[in-house]
Amino acid sequence: MSVNYYQHSGPFKLELGGELPELTIAYHTYGTLNETRDNVVWVCHALTANSDVADWWPHTVEAEGFLNPEKWFVVCANILGSHYGTTGPLHINPSTGSPYYSEFPAITMRDMVNCHRLLATHLGINHIHSLVGSSVGGFQALEWAVQEPDRFGNLILIATAAKASPWAIAIDETQRMAIKSDATWGEPSADAAMKGLAAARAIGLLSYRGPEGYNLTQQDPEELPDTHRACSYQQYQGEKLCRRYNAYSYVTILDAFDTHDVGRGRGGTDKMLAQLSMPVIVIGITTDIIFTPAEMRSLANSIPGATYHEISSPFGHDGFLVEHKKLNNLLIPFICNTETK
């Protein structure tokens, strides 16, 4: 499935001030939009993912998955600031003729959602049957649902929150500290701060998988190894991200995620969540240490009529990527049972 691009005409104003003189949004679609244009499922992606959902969410965009392209018209847009096609730090700043790099302006979660809104309008999609968000994709989904509640038939929230918690922000800051401690941070190069980026990714993985996931998959053999399996795993994952991403986009997105709060300037999160009236399913993961089951239950309790389910998994927050069978079993009936909403 090839990527598509939408070129927005005119400048794009940013919440924290200033504007982007040009805006490109990369996106993927799967399936066919029906005649009544009411079979849209919009997926909001997380952190370093891209708009190709089938690439990073195994066994969901297929006939047996909840994103069945034979039934649904699935849309996913690459987020603002990312490395995968939507305007970000490696794009050319028209005022200088050079990439933005560290000069890319500060953006917020609401800016990301405003990009989604522009793309939906461009595609002629006024009604979205299901809005799906996992992790920081859930940040986007909740923010969008609060902004345009009448646009959505139902809302699917997986391992996420209505507000970035101090714990999540601390994880992000620790990663930023690692990146900015690299002496090449700030250099006008796509390869700047790669050692820092690798360290940041290794830090992030600790929170994504947690102790149960590591202890299950990274045990050493009985003989003392030259390199512990857990050590080589951390090194590999850091190097792997460096082969496909850049430090400036990573920091830009972490900064934006920390702005997330659906209640900011609106009277508080509880007030905004209480106004959501569409069917909502909230799914937590038993071993998630970023968005704990207790926090997920609290989120569900704050949304009128929301249903809560919990997936048992040893893989922590990454369970939403691994436990596709359990997700499909929950989400296929939910989406189908709310078809007429």
Protein backbone atom coordinates (compact mmCIF):
# COMPACT_ATOMS: atom_id res chain seq x y z
CA MET A 1 0.00 0.00 0.00
CA SER A 2 1.59 3.28 -1.13
CA VAL A 3 1.59 6.49 0.87
CA ASN A 4 -0.56 9.46 -0.19
CA TYR A 5 0.16 13.16 0.38
CA TYR A 6 -2.14 16.09 1.01
CA GLN A 7 -0.68 19.53 0.46
CA HIS A 8 -2.56 22.12 2.48
CA SER A 9 -3.02 25.43 0.72
CA GLY A 10 -1.93 28.35 2.84
CA PRO A 11 -0.13 28.61 6.19
CA PHE A 12 -0.95 26.39 9.15
CA LYS A 13 -1.30 28.29 12.41
CA LEU A 14 0.11 26.69 15.57
CA GLU A 15 -1.42 26.74 19.04
CA LEU A 16 1.70 28.08 20.77
CA GLY A 17 2.15 30.88 18.26
CA GLY A 18 3.56 31.26 14.81
CA GLU A 19 2.74 29.15 11.80
CA LEU A 20 4.08 26.71 9.28
CA PRO A 21 4.12 28.42 5.88
CA GLU A 22 3.59 25.05 4.19
CA LEU A 23 1.97 21.84 5.40
CA THR A 24 2.16 18.35 3.91
CA ILE A 25 0.25 15.45 5.46
CA ALA A 26 1.21 11.87 4.61
CA TYR A 27 -1.52 9.26 4.94
CA HIS A 28 -2.57 5.73 4.04
CA THR A 29 -6.00 4.32 3.27
CA TYR A 30 -7.19 0.73 3.05
CA GLY A 31 -10.43 -0.58 1.61
CA THR A 32 -13.10 1.38 -0.22
CA LEU A 33 -15.25 4.29 0.89
CA ASN A 34 -18.86 3.24 0.40
CA GLU A 35 -21.54 5.27 -1.38
CA THR A 36 -22.98 6.65 1.86
CA ARG A 37 -19.45 7.50 3.10
CA ASP A 38 -20.20 6.07 6.55
CA ASN A 39 -17.78 3.13 6.78
CA VAL A 40 -14.69 5.09 7.86
CA VAL A 41 -12.42 3.84 10.64
CA TRP A 42 -9.72 6.38 11.47
CA VAL A 43 -6.60 5.17 13.28
CA CYS A 44 -4.35 7.58 15.20
CA HIS A 45 -0.83 6.20 15.48
CA ALA A 46 1.69 6.38 18.34
CA LEU A 47 5.18 7.82 18.82
CA THR A 48 7.52 6.57 16.07
CA ALA A 49 4.95 4.69 14.00
CA ASN A 50 3.85 5.79 10.55
CA SER A 51 0.61 6.02 8.61
CA ASP A 52 0.93 2.47 7.27
CA VAL A 53 -1.08 0.71 9.96
CA ALA A 54 -0.61 -2.72 8.40
CA ASP A 55 3.14 -2.22 8.77
CA TRP A 56 3.22 -1.67 12.54
CA TRP A 57 -0.03 -3.25 13.83
CA PRO A 58 0.11 -6.92 12.78
CA HIS A 59 -3.04 -8.88 11.98
CA THR A 60 -5.44 -5.97 12.37
CA VAL A 61 -5.74 -4.71 8.76
CA GLU A 62 -6.95 -7.98 7.29
CA ALA A 63 -10.20 -9.88 6.81
CA GLU A 64 -10.00 -11.43 10.28
CA GLY A 65 -8.99 -8.16 11.95
CA PHE A 66 -11.05 -5.35 13.41
CA LEU A 67 -9.69 -3.05 10.68
CA ASN A 68 -11.05 -5.35 7.97
CA PRO A 69 -10.46 -3.51 4.66
CA GLU A 70 -13.18 -5.55 2.97
CA LYS A 71 -15.71 -3.85 5.24
CA TRP A 72 -14.15 -0.59 6.40
CA PHE A 73 -12.40 2.35 4.77
CA VAL A 74 -9.42 2.67 7.10
CA VAL A 75 -7.50 5.96 7.26
CA CYS A 76 -4.34 6.81 9.17
CA ALA A 77 -2.45 10.10 8.93
CA ASN A 78 1.20 10.51 9.85
CA ILE A 79 1.40 12.98 12.73
CA LEU A 80 2.78 16.50 12.49
CA GLY A 81 6.50 16.61 13.30
CA SER A 82 7.09 12.97 12.43
CA HIS A 83 9.80 11.43 10.26
CA TYR A 84 7.43 9.75 7.83
CA GLY A 85 6.21 12.34 5.37
CA THR A 86 4.13 14.89 7.26
CA THR A 87 5.86 18.23 7.75
CA GLY A 88 8.58 17.93 10.38
CA PRO A 89 12.12 18.97 11.35
CA LEU A 90 13.76 17.46 8.24
CA HIS A 91 11.46 19.34 5.87
CA ILE A 92 12.64 22.50 4.13
CA ASN A 93 11.86 25.78 5.85
CA PRO A 94 10.74 28.00 2.94
CA SER A 95 12.12 31.10 4.64
CA THR A 96 15.67 29.71 4.75
CA GLY A 97 15.77 27.11 1.99
CA SER A 98 17.26 24.61 4.47
CA PRO A 99 15.73 21.95 6.73
CA TYR A 100 14.30 23.13 10.03
CA TYR A 101 16.26 20.69 12.21
CA SER A 102 16.28 22.13 15.77
CA GLU A 103 14.46 25.27 14.60
CA PHE A 104 11.21 23.42 13.94
CA PRO A 105 8.51 25.29 15.89
CA ALA A 106 6.94 23.90 19.04
CA ILE A 107 3.73 22.00 18.38
CA THR A 108 0.98 20.54 20.56
CA MET A 109 -1.39 17.62 20.50
CA ARG A 110 -4.09 20.01 19.34
CA ASP A 111 -1.98 20.99 16.33
CA MET A 112 -1.73 17.30 15.42
CA VAL A 113 -5.49 16.92 15.67
CA ASN A 114 -6.06 20.02 13.57
CA CYS A 115 -4.02 18.31 10.84
CA HIS A 116 -6.32 15.29 11.07
CA ARG A 117 -9.32 17.57 10.74
CA LEU A 118 -7.88 19.23 7.63
CA LEU A 119 -7.24 15.86 6.02
CA ALA A 120 -10.69 14.51 6.86
CA THR A 121 -12.26 17.57 5.25
CA HIS A 122 -10.02 17.20 2.20
CA LEU A 123 -11.12 13.56 1.84
CA GLY A 124 -14.78 14.54 2.12
CA ILE A 125 -15.24 12.55 5.32
CA ASN A 126 -17.82 14.26 7.51
CA HIS A 127 -18.69 11.23 9.63
CA ILE A 128 -16.21 8.75 11.05
CA HIS A 129 -17.75 5.49 12.19
CA SER A 130 -14.93 4.55 14.56
CA LEU A 131 -12.01 6.58 15.88
CA VAL A 132 -9.18 4.38 17.18
CA GLY A 133 -6.20 5.41 19.29
CA SER A 134 -3.60 3.40 21.18
CA SER A 135 -0.99 4.96 23.47
CA VAL A 136 -0.31 8.52 22.28
CA GLY A 137 -2.59 7.73 19.38
CA GLY A 138 -5.24 7.67 22.08
CA PHE A 139 -4.16 11.18 23.10
CA GLN A 140 -5.02 12.33 19.58
CA ALA A 141 -8.28 10.38 19.49
CA LEU A 142 -9.53 11.81 22.78
CA GLU A 143 -8.56 15.35 21.83
CA TRP A 144 -10.32 15.02 18.48
CA ALA A 145 -13.42 13.47 20.08
CA VAL A 146 -13.61 16.39 22.50
CA GLN A 147 -13.26 18.92 19.68
CA GLU A 148 -15.81 17.33 17.33
CA PRO A 149 -17.95 14.84 19.24
CA ASP A 150 -20.66 14.78 16.57
CA ARG A 151 -18.22 13.57 13.93
CA PHE A 152 -17.73 10.12 15.46
CA GLY A 153 -19.96 7.10 15.78
CA ASN A 154 -17.83 5.50 18.46
CA LEU A 155 -14.46 5.79 20.16
CA ILE A 156 -11.85 3.10 20.83
CA LEU A 157 -9.17 3.90 23.43
CA ILE A 158 -6.34 1.48 24.15
CA ALA A 159 -3.63 2.01 26.80
CA THR A 160 -3.89 5.79 26.85
CA ALA A 161 -5.00 8.80 28.93
CA ALA A 162 -6.97 12.03 28.85
CA LYS A 163 -3.97 13.92 30.17
CA ALA A 164 -0.22 13.32 30.10
CA SER A 165 0.65 12.25 33.64
CA PRO A 166 3.73 13.45 35.55
CA TRP A 167 5.04 9.88 35.30
CA ALA A 168 4.72 9.83 31.50
CA ILE A 169 6.23 13.31 31.21
CA ALA A 170 9.16 12.20 33.40
CA ILE A 171 9.81 9.28 31.05
CA ASP A 172 9.79 11.70 28.11
CA GLU A 173 12.11 14.15 29.86
CA THR A 174 14.60 11.41 30.68
CA GLN A 175 14.72 10.52 27.00
CA ARG A 176 15.17 14.18 26.03
CA MET A 177 18.03 14.47 28.51
CA ALA A 178 19.75 11.51 26.88
CA ILE A 179 19.37 13.00 23.40
CA LYS A 180 20.51 16.48 24.37
CA SER A 181 23.56 15.15 26.21
CA ASP A 182 24.88 14.02 22.81
CA ALA A 183 27.46 16.62 21.74
CA THR A 184 26.07 16.63 18.20
CA TRP A 185 22.59 17.73 19.30
CA GLY A 186 21.74 21.00 17.56
CA GLU A 187 23.94 20.40 14.53
CA PRO A 188 22.22 21.02 11.18
CA SER A 189 22.25 17.37 10.16
CA ALA A 190 19.72 14.56 9.86
CA ASP A 191 22.24 12.35 11.67
CA ALA A 192 22.66 14.64 14.69
CA ALA A 193 22.47 13.14 18.20
CA MET A 194 22.19 9.55 17.02
CA LYS A 195 23.98 8.15 20.09
CA GLY A 196 21.62 10.15 22.25
CA LEU A 197 18.63 8.89 20.28
CA ALA A 198 19.75 5.28 20.74
CA ALA A 199 20.05 5.82 24.50
CA ALA A 200 16.64 7.49 24.59
CA ARG A 201 15.04 4.57 22.81
CA ALA A 202 16.60 2.12 25.26
CA ILE A 203 15.18 4.17 28.14
CA GLY A 204 11.76 4.24 26.54
CA LEU A 205 11.74 0.49 26.02
CA LEU A 206 12.04 -0.11 29.74
CA SER A 207 8.67 1.56 30.20
CA TYR A 208 7.13 -0.04 27.10
CA ARG A 209 7.87 -3.64 28.09
CA GLY A 210 8.35 -3.52 31.88
CA PRO A 211 9.92 -6.22 34.06
CA GLU A 212 7.64 -9.10 33.09
CA GLY A 213 8.30 -8.65 29.40
CA TYR A 214 12.06 -8.43 29.83
CA ASN A 215 12.25 -11.33 32.26
CA LEU A 216 10.23 -13.48 29.90
CA THR A 217 12.20 -12.78 26.71
CA GLN A 218 15.72 -11.72 27.69
CA GLN A 219 16.94 -14.46 30.04
CA ASP A 220 20.60 -15.47 29.67
CA PRO A 221 21.63 -19.12 29.23
CA GLU A 222 23.08 -20.84 32.30
CA GLU A 223 26.66 -20.11 31.19
CA LEU A 224 27.88 -16.58 31.88
CA PRO A 225 27.72 -14.81 28.50
CA ASP A 226 30.20 -12.30 27.13
CA THR A 227 27.25 -9.93 26.70
CA HIS A 228 24.00 -10.24 28.59
CA ARG A 229 21.03 -10.81 26.33
CA ALA A 230 19.22 -7.83 27.85
CA CYS A 231 22.23 -5.62 27.07
CA SER A 232 22.41 -6.67 23.42
CA TYR A 233 18.65 -6.17 23.14
CA GLN A 234 18.91 -2.59 24.39
CA GLN A 235 21.78 -1.85 22.01
CA TYR A 236 19.97 -3.40 19.07
CA GLN A 237 16.73 -1.52 19.68
CA GLY A 238 18.58 1.79 19.96
CA GLU A 239 20.47 1.18 16.73
CA LYS A 240 17.30 0.00 15.00
CA LEU A 241 15.48 3.27 15.70
CA CYS A 242 18.47 5.29 14.52
CA ARG A 243 18.25 3.55 11.15
CA ARG A 244 14.70 4.80 10.60
CA TYR A 245 14.21 8.00 12.61
CA ASN A 246 15.84 11.28 13.61
CA ALA A 247 16.46 12.96 16.95
CA TYR A 248 14.77 16.24 16.07
CA SER A 249 11.45 14.58 15.23
CA TYR A 250 11.71 12.45 18.36
CA VAL A 251 12.13 15.46 20.65
CA THR A 252 9.47 17.46 18.80
CA ILE A 253 6.91 14.71 19.28
CA LEU A 254 7.81 14.06 22.93
CA ASP A 255 7.35 17.78 23.60
CA ALA A 256 3.97 17.74 21.88
CA PHE A 257 2.79 14.69 23.79
CA ASP A 258 3.56 16.40 27.09
CA THR A 259 1.05 19.16 26.20
CA HIS A 260 -1.81 16.67 26.12
CA ASP A 261 -4.73 17.54 28.38
CA VAL A 262 -8.25 17.50 26.97
CA GLY A 263 -9.37 19.72 29.85
CA ARG A 264 -6.73 22.44 29.45
CA GLY A 265 -8.51 25.77 29.15
CA ARG A 266 -11.86 24.00 29.02
CA GLY A 267 -12.76 23.54 32.66
CA GLY A 268 -10.85 20.31 33.39
CA THR A 269 -10.62 16.77 32.07
CA ASP A 270 -13.58 15.42 34.04
CA LYS A 271 -15.87 18.05 32.54
CA MET A 272 -14.79 17.30 29.00
CA LEU A 273 -14.92 13.53 29.38
CA ALA A 274 -18.41 13.77 30.86
CA GLN A 275 -19.60 15.43 27.65
CA LEU A 276 -18.70 12.46 25.43
CA SER A 277 -21.91 10.72 24.45
CA MET A 278 -20.82 8.27 21.72
CA PRO A 279 -20.23 4.59 22.57
CA VAL A 280 -16.73 4.23 24.00
CA ILE A 281 -14.61 1.17 24.74
CA VAL A 282 -11.54 1.53 26.94
CA ILE A 283 -8.94 -1.25 26.99
CA GLY A 284 -6.17 -1.57 29.55
CA ILE A 285 -3.26 -4.00 29.76
CA THR A 286 -2.52 -5.84 33.00
CA THR A 287 1.25 -5.15 33.04
CA ASP A 288 1.28 -1.66 31.51
CA ILE A 289 3.38 0.63 33.72
CA ILE A 290 2.84 3.77 31.62
CA PHE A 291 -0.96 3.72 31.59
CA THR A 292 -1.75 1.42 34.47
CA PRO A 293 -4.95 -0.64 34.70
CA ALA A 294 -6.10 1.53 37.59
CA GLU A 295 -5.71 4.64 35.46
CA MET A 296 -7.51 2.99 32.56
CA ARG A 297 -10.43 2.01 34.76
CA SER A 298 -10.58 5.59 36.03
CA LEU A 299 -10.64 6.88 32.46
CA ALA A 300 -13.53 4.56 31.58
CA ASN A 301 -15.42 5.60 34.71
CA SER A 302 -15.10 9.26 33.70
CA ILE A 303 -16.82 8.71 30.34
CA PRO A 304 -20.60 8.18 30.54
CA GLY A 305 -21.55 4.68 29.44
CA ALA A 306 -18.02 3.62 28.51
CA THR A 307 -17.19 -0.07 28.77
CA TYR A 308 -13.87 -1.25 30.17
CA HIS A 309 -11.93 -4.38 29.24
CA GLU A 310 -8.53 -5.53 30.38
CA ILE A 311 -6.13 -7.64 28.32
CA SER A 312 -3.86 -10.00 30.21
CA SER A 313 -0.36 -9.78 28.75
CA PRO A 314 3.22 -10.04 30.03
CA PHE A 315 4.40 -7.51 27.43
CA GLY A 316 3.47 -4.33 29.25
CA HIS A 317 2.44 -1.29 27.24
CA ASP A 318 3.62 -3.02 24.06
CA GLY A 319 0.87 -5.54 24.63
CA PHE A 320 -1.38 -3.47 22.36
CA LEU A 321 0.99 -4.31 19.49
CA VAL A 322 1.42 -7.97 20.43
CA GLU A 323 -2.00 -9.15 21.60
CA HIS A 324 -3.82 -8.69 18.30
CA LYS A 325 -6.02 -11.77 18.76
CA LYS A 326 -7.36 -10.48 22.06
CA LEU A 327 -7.89 -7.02 20.60
CA ASN A 328 -9.72 -8.38 17.57
CA ASN A 329 -11.98 -10.48 19.81
CA LEU A 330 -12.98 -7.34 21.73
CA LEU A 331 -13.15 -4.81 18.93
CA ILE A 332 -14.83 -6.67 16.08
CA PRO A 333 -18.13 -7.06 17.98
CA PHE A 334 -17.86 -3.54 19.42
CA ILE A 335 -17.50 -1.91 16.00
CA CYS A 336 -20.21 -4.05 14.43
CA ASN A 337 -22.67 -3.51 17.29
CA THR A 338 -22.35 0.27 16.96
CA GLU A 339 -22.73 0.40 13.18
CA THR A 340 -25.93 2.42 13.27
CA LYS A 341 -24.72 5.03 15.77
